[in-house]
C-alpha cells in the first residue's frame, strides 16, 4: 500500500491507497520541527483507528513545499516503512513538460496539480489552488505547465489585516450576504471574501485573454470550497486533484514488470 504525503505551508495531508482506492486521509498542521518519530507515533494511532497497521505500507511518495520538513518526512519513510520515498522534484518522471523559465522553481504542489488536472480535464486549463498562497497555473492541452500567477492566500490576507491594523479584530472568513458591511466585522468579511472573488475573476479573465484560446478553470485547495457558488469563473471544484496527481506520478515511476 502507498502512503502519500502532501505537505503545504499550513497543513499536511497523509493518505493511504491500496492500489484501487483511497482508504483513509488525515490532516495535521504543518510543523517543520516535527520529527520522524513524532510523525510515526501520530500515524500509528490513526492507522489503528482504521484497523490498519504500519507494516502494510510498502511505498511512499512525498510532495512538500517546506524544505525544512523534508528531512524528517524522508526519515519517516526510511525508518518506519523501510522504503525510499519518491520525492516530487528529485529526478522524478512527471510525464509532462515544465515550460517555465526556471523549472526548478516550480513548487511540488503545482507540478502535482498540473498532472492531476490533465488526467481528468481536456484542453487548456487554469488550475487555481487556494491555500496559504493562491496559485493560478496554466496547463496546456498536452499537460505542459506553461506559467502561473501567485497571490497571497485569503487566510494570509486576513491575518495581515488583523496584525497590521490595531483596531481590526481577528475574524473568521465566511461569505457575507452583502458587499456593504454595516460594522467592522462585516466590512472586513466583505473586503476579504468579495475581494478574493474579484481577484479570481479578474486574473482568470486576463489569463484567458492573454492565452487567446478557450480554457477550463479548475479550483482546488484547502479553502476552495469557500468560493463554490460565489463565482462563475471556476468551472469545476476538485478537492482530490492533488492526491490524484501524486498517485499518477507514483505509478509512472514504478519499474516496468519484466516479461
Protein backbone atom coordinates (compact mmCIF):
# COMPACT_ATOMS: atom_id res chain seq x y z
CA UNK A 1 0.00 0.00 0.00
CA UNK A 2 1.06 3.55 -0.72
CA UNK A 3 1.47 6.36 1.79
CA UNK A 4 1.08 9.71 0.04
CA UNK A 5 2.23 12.78 1.97
CA UNK A 6 1.21 16.17 0.57
CA UNK A 7 2.67 18.98 2.63
CA UNK A 8 1.65 22.59 2.23
CA UNK A 9 2.73 25.59 4.26
CA UNK A 10 -0.31 25.34 6.53
CA UNK A 11 -1.49 21.70 6.54
CA UNK A 12 -0.04 18.29 5.71
CA UNK A 13 -2.17 15.51 4.24
CA UNK A 14 -1.42 11.82 4.82
CA UNK A 15 -3.39 9.41 2.60
CA UNK A 16 -3.38 5.64 2.15
CA UNK A 17 -4.03 3.98 -1.24
CA UNK A 18 -4.40 0.22 -1.64
CA UNK A 19 -3.87 0.13 -5.41
CA UNK A 20 -7.57 0.52 -6.13
CA UNK A 21 -8.94 3.23 -3.86
CA UNK A 22 -8.02 5.71 -1.14
CA UNK A 23 -8.67 4.03 2.20
CA UNK A 24 -8.03 6.92 4.58
CA UNK A 25 -6.96 10.56 4.68
CA UNK A 26 -5.75 12.63 7.64
CA UNK A 27 -4.59 16.23 8.00
CA UNK A 28 -2.26 17.77 10.54
CA UNK A 29 -0.88 21.26 10.96
CA UNK A 30 2.44 21.67 9.19
CA UNK A 31 5.30 21.96 11.67
CA UNK A 32 8.82 21.92 10.26
CA UNK A 33 10.19 20.93 13.70
CA UNK A 34 8.15 17.71 13.95
CA UNK A 35 10.48 14.71 13.93
CA UNK A 36 10.13 11.41 12.10
CA UNK A 37 9.42 9.71 15.44
CA UNK A 38 6.60 12.14 16.23
CA UNK A 39 5.07 11.59 12.81
CA UNK A 40 5.28 7.84 13.34
CA UNK A 41 3.51 7.89 16.71
CA UNK A 42 0.73 10.05 15.29
CA UNK A 43 0.38 7.92 12.16
CA UNK A 44 0.30 4.61 14.04
CA UNK A 45 -2.56 5.79 16.21
CA UNK A 46 -4.62 6.91 13.22
CA UNK A 47 -3.94 3.67 11.36
CA UNK A 48 -5.17 1.71 14.37
CA UNK A 49 -8.47 3.61 14.27
CA UNK A 50 -8.90 2.32 10.71
CA UNK A 51 -7.84 -1.17 11.77
CA UNK A 52 -4.68 -0.84 9.70
CA UNK A 53 -1.03 -1.37 10.57
CA UNK A 54 2.15 0.49 9.65
CA UNK A 55 3.63 -2.73 8.25
CA UNK A 56 1.17 -2.76 5.32
CA UNK A 57 2.73 0.38 3.85
CA UNK A 58 5.33 -0.58 1.27
CA UNK A 59 5.56 2.62 -0.75
CA UNK A 60 5.75 6.35 -0.08
CA UNK A 61 5.51 9.49 -2.20
CA UNK A 62 6.14 12.98 -0.80
CA UNK A 63 5.14 16.36 -2.19
CA UNK A 64 6.37 19.17 0.03
CA UNK A 65 6.79 22.92 -0.31
CA UNK A 66 8.53 23.12 3.10
CA UNK A 67 12.21 22.19 2.59
CA UNK A 68 12.90 22.18 6.35
CA UNK A 69 10.42 19.31 6.82
CA UNK A 70 11.64 17.10 4.03
CA UNK A 71 14.45 15.54 6.09
CA UNK A 72 12.02 14.29 8.75
CA UNK A 73 9.41 13.09 6.26
CA UNK A 74 12.09 11.17 4.37
CA UNK A 75 13.28 9.62 7.63
CA UNK A 76 9.72 8.60 8.46
CA UNK A 77 9.63 6.53 5.28
CA UNK A 78 13.13 5.12 5.69
CA UNK A 79 12.97 4.30 9.39
CA UNK A 80 9.39 3.14 9.85
CA UNK A 81 8.24 2.00 6.39
CA UNK A 82 11.67 0.64 5.37
CA UNK A 83 11.31 2.23 1.93
CA UNK A 84 13.00 5.02 -0.01
CA UNK A 85 10.32 7.66 -0.69
CA UNK A 86 9.67 9.14 -4.10
CA UNK A 87 10.05 12.90 -3.65
CA UNK A 88 8.43 15.21 -6.19
CA UNK A 89 11.07 17.37 -7.81
CA UNK A 90 14.01 14.99 -7.30
CA UNK A 91 14.67 13.26 -10.64
CA UNK A 92 11.04 12.19 -10.88
CA UNK A 93 9.31 11.49 -14.20
CA UNK A 94 6.24 13.72 -14.13
CA UNK A 95 5.01 12.67 -17.55
CA UNK A 96 4.57 16.34 -18.51
CA UNK A 97 6.87 19.17 -19.59
CA UNK A 98 7.60 22.15 -17.33
CA UNK A 99 7.91 25.09 -19.70
CA UNK A 100 8.67 27.91 -17.31
CA UNK A 101 11.98 29.78 -17.43
CA UNK A 102 13.40 28.03 -14.35
CA UNK A 103 11.67 24.63 -13.94
CA UNK A 104 13.48 24.04 -10.64
CA UNK A 105 11.48 26.91 -9.11
CA UNK A 106 8.12 25.24 -9.68
CA UNK A 107 6.69 24.08 -6.36
CA UNK A 108 5.94 20.40 -5.91
CA UNK A 109 2.27 21.22 -5.33
CA UNK A 110 2.00 23.00 -8.68
CA UNK A 111 3.64 20.11 -10.53
CA UNK A 112 1.34 17.56 -8.92
CA UNK A 113 -1.72 19.70 -9.61
CA UNK A 114 -0.82 20.00 -13.28
CA UNK A 115 -0.63 16.21 -13.59
CA UNK A 116 -3.83 15.65 -11.63
CA UNK A 117 -5.78 18.19 -13.67
CA UNK A 118 -4.51 16.99 -17.05
CA UNK A 119 -5.66 13.46 -16.24
CA UNK A 120 -9.32 14.45 -15.99
CA UNK A 121 -9.94 17.71 -17.83
CA UNK A 122 -9.27 18.00 -21.58
CA UNK A 123 -7.92 21.09 -23.31
CA UNK A 124 -6.09 24.09 -21.91
CA UNK A 125 -6.55 24.68 -18.17
CA UNK A 126 -6.22 27.20 -15.39
CA UNK A 127 -5.70 25.39 -12.07
CA UNK A 128 -6.46 27.59 -9.06
CA UNK A 129 -5.07 26.22 -5.79
CA UNK A 130 -6.34 28.16 -2.76
CA UNK A 131 -4.15 27.63 0.27
CA UNK A 132 -1.52 29.69 2.08
CA UNK A 133 -0.92 31.19 -1.34
CA UNK A 134 -3.43 31.30 -4.19
CA UNK A 135 -1.79 29.98 -7.34
CA UNK A 136 -3.10 30.15 -10.89
CA UNK A 137 -1.27 27.58 -13.02
CA UNK A 138 -1.66 27.42 -16.77
CA UNK A 139 -1.65 23.86 -18.09
CA UNK A 140 -1.60 23.32 -21.85
CA UNK A 141 -3.75 20.74 -23.61
CA UNK A 142 -0.76 18.35 -23.71
CA UNK A 143 -0.24 18.66 -19.94
CA UNK A 144 2.69 21.07 -20.05
CA UNK A 145 2.99 23.63 -17.25
CA UNK A 146 3.23 26.94 -19.11
CA UNK A 147 3.34 29.52 -16.34
CA UNK A 148 1.45 30.89 -13.38
CA UNK A 149 0.32 33.78 -11.21
CA UNK A 150 0.77 33.70 -7.44
CA UNK A 151 -1.09 35.81 -4.87
CA UNK A 152 -1.32 35.70 -1.07
CA UNK A 153 -3.94 33.26 0.20
CA UNK A 154 -7.19 34.51 1.69
CA UNK A 155 -6.24 33.43 5.24
CA UNK A 156 -2.86 35.11 4.94
CA UNK A 157 -4.52 38.34 3.83
CA UNK A 158 -6.94 38.24 6.73
CA UNK A 159 -4.07 37.62 9.16
CA UNK A 160 -2.04 40.51 7.75
CA UNK A 161 -5.04 42.84 8.02
CA UNK A 162 -5.50 41.98 11.70
CA UNK A 163 -1.80 42.18 12.60
CA UNK A 164 -1.08 45.43 10.76
CA UNK A 165 -4.16 47.39 11.83
CA UNK A 166 -4.52 47.80 15.60
CA UNK A 167 -8.29 48.28 15.62
CA UNK A 168 -9.18 45.43 13.26
CA UNK A 169 -10.05 42.17 15.06
CA UNK A 170 -9.18 38.61 14.10
CA UNK A 171 -12.30 37.17 12.46
CA UNK A 172 -13.39 34.01 10.71
CA UNK A 173 -13.60 34.02 6.94
CA UNK A 174 -17.09 33.47 5.62
CA UNK A 175 -19.22 34.54 2.69
CA UNK A 176 -21.15 37.71 3.60
CA UNK A 177 -24.60 38.35 2.18
CA UNK A 178 -23.79 41.91 1.14
CA UNK A 179 -20.81 43.78 -0.21
CA UNK A 180 -21.57 46.76 2.03
CA UNK A 181 -20.78 45.87 5.63
CA UNK A 182 -22.70 47.58 8.44
CA UNK A 183 -19.99 47.10 11.05
CA UNK A 184 -16.26 46.40 11.19
CA UNK A 185 -16.55 42.61 11.08
CA UNK A 186 -18.98 42.65 8.15
CA UNK A 187 -16.80 45.18 6.34
CA UNK A 188 -13.70 43.00 6.79
CA UNK A 189 -15.53 39.86 5.68
CA UNK A 190 -16.80 41.65 2.59
CA UNK A 191 -13.46 43.14 1.65
CA UNK A 192 -11.57 39.88 2.02
CA UNK A 193 -14.16 37.49 0.59
CA UNK A 194 -15.55 39.53 -2.29
CA UNK A 195 -12.10 41.00 -2.85
CA UNK A 196 -10.81 37.47 -3.43
CA UNK A 197 -13.69 36.68 -5.75
CA UNK A 198 -12.74 39.80 -7.72
CA UNK A 199 -9.10 38.66 -7.70
CA UNK A 200 -10.05 35.25 -9.09
CA UNK A 201 -12.42 36.64 -11.71
CA UNK A 202 -10.01 39.38 -12.77
CA UNK A 203 -6.98 37.12 -13.13
CA UNK A 204 -8.96 34.39 -14.92
CA UNK A 205 -10.21 36.99 -17.41
CA UNK A 206 -6.72 38.38 -18.00
CA UNK A 207 -5.15 34.94 -18.37
CA UNK A 208 -7.81 33.80 -20.85
CA UNK A 209 -7.38 37.00 -22.89
CA UNK A 210 -3.60 36.58 -22.94
CA UNK A 211 -3.83 32.87 -23.77
CA UNK A 212 -6.20 33.53 -26.64
CA UNK A 213 -7.89 30.11 -26.61
CA UNK A 214 -10.72 28.54 -24.60
CA UNK A 215 -9.65 27.37 -21.13
CA UNK A 216 -11.31 25.30 -18.41
CA UNK A 217 -10.85 26.58 -14.86
CA UNK A 218 -10.40 24.05 -12.03
CA UNK A 219 -10.39 25.01 -8.35
CA UNK A 220 -8.74 23.00 -5.58
CA UNK A 221 -7.02 23.54 -2.24
CA UNK A 222 -7.90 23.86 1.41
CA UNK A 223 -10.22 26.87 1.15
CA UNK A 224 -11.50 26.46 -2.41
CA UNK A 225 -14.88 25.30 -1.15
CA UNK A 226 -15.45 28.83 0.22
CA UNK A 227 -15.79 30.12 -3.32
CA UNK A 228 -18.14 27.44 -4.64
CA UNK A 229 -21.37 29.06 -5.78
CA UNK A 230 -19.92 32.57 -5.41
CA UNK A 231 -18.43 32.88 -8.89
CA UNK A 232 -18.91 31.51 -12.38
CA UNK A 233 -15.20 31.93 -13.12
CA UNK A 234 -14.40 28.44 -11.78
CA UNK A 235 -15.87 25.59 -13.86
CA UNK A 236 -15.01 22.66 -11.56
CA UNK A 237 -14.14 22.28 -7.88
CA UNK A 238 -11.93 19.22 -7.42
CA UNK A 239 -10.71 18.51 -3.86
CA UNK A 240 -8.98 15.27 -4.95
CA UNK A 241 -6.89 16.81 -7.72
CA UNK A 242 -3.60 16.88 -5.78
CA UNK A 243 -3.59 13.31 -4.46
CA UNK A 244 -4.80 12.05 -7.85
CA UNK A 245 -1.74 13.67 -9.40
CA UNK A 246 0.54 12.15 -6.76
CA UNK A 247 -0.85 8.68 -7.38
CA UNK A 248 -0.35 9.04 -11.14
CA UNK A 249 3.24 10.21 -10.68
CA UNK A 250 3.89 7.28 -8.35
CA UNK A 251 2.61 4.86 -10.98
CA UNK A 252 4.66 6.47 -13.73
CA UNK A 253 7.84 5.98 -11.73
CA UNK A 254 7.43 2.31 -10.87
CA UNK A 255 9.69 -0.21 -12.61
CA UNK A 256 8.12 -1.88 -15.63
CA UNK A 257 7.49 -5.56 -14.79
CA UNK A 258 9.75 -7.95 -16.66
CA UNK A 259 8.10 -10.37 -19.05
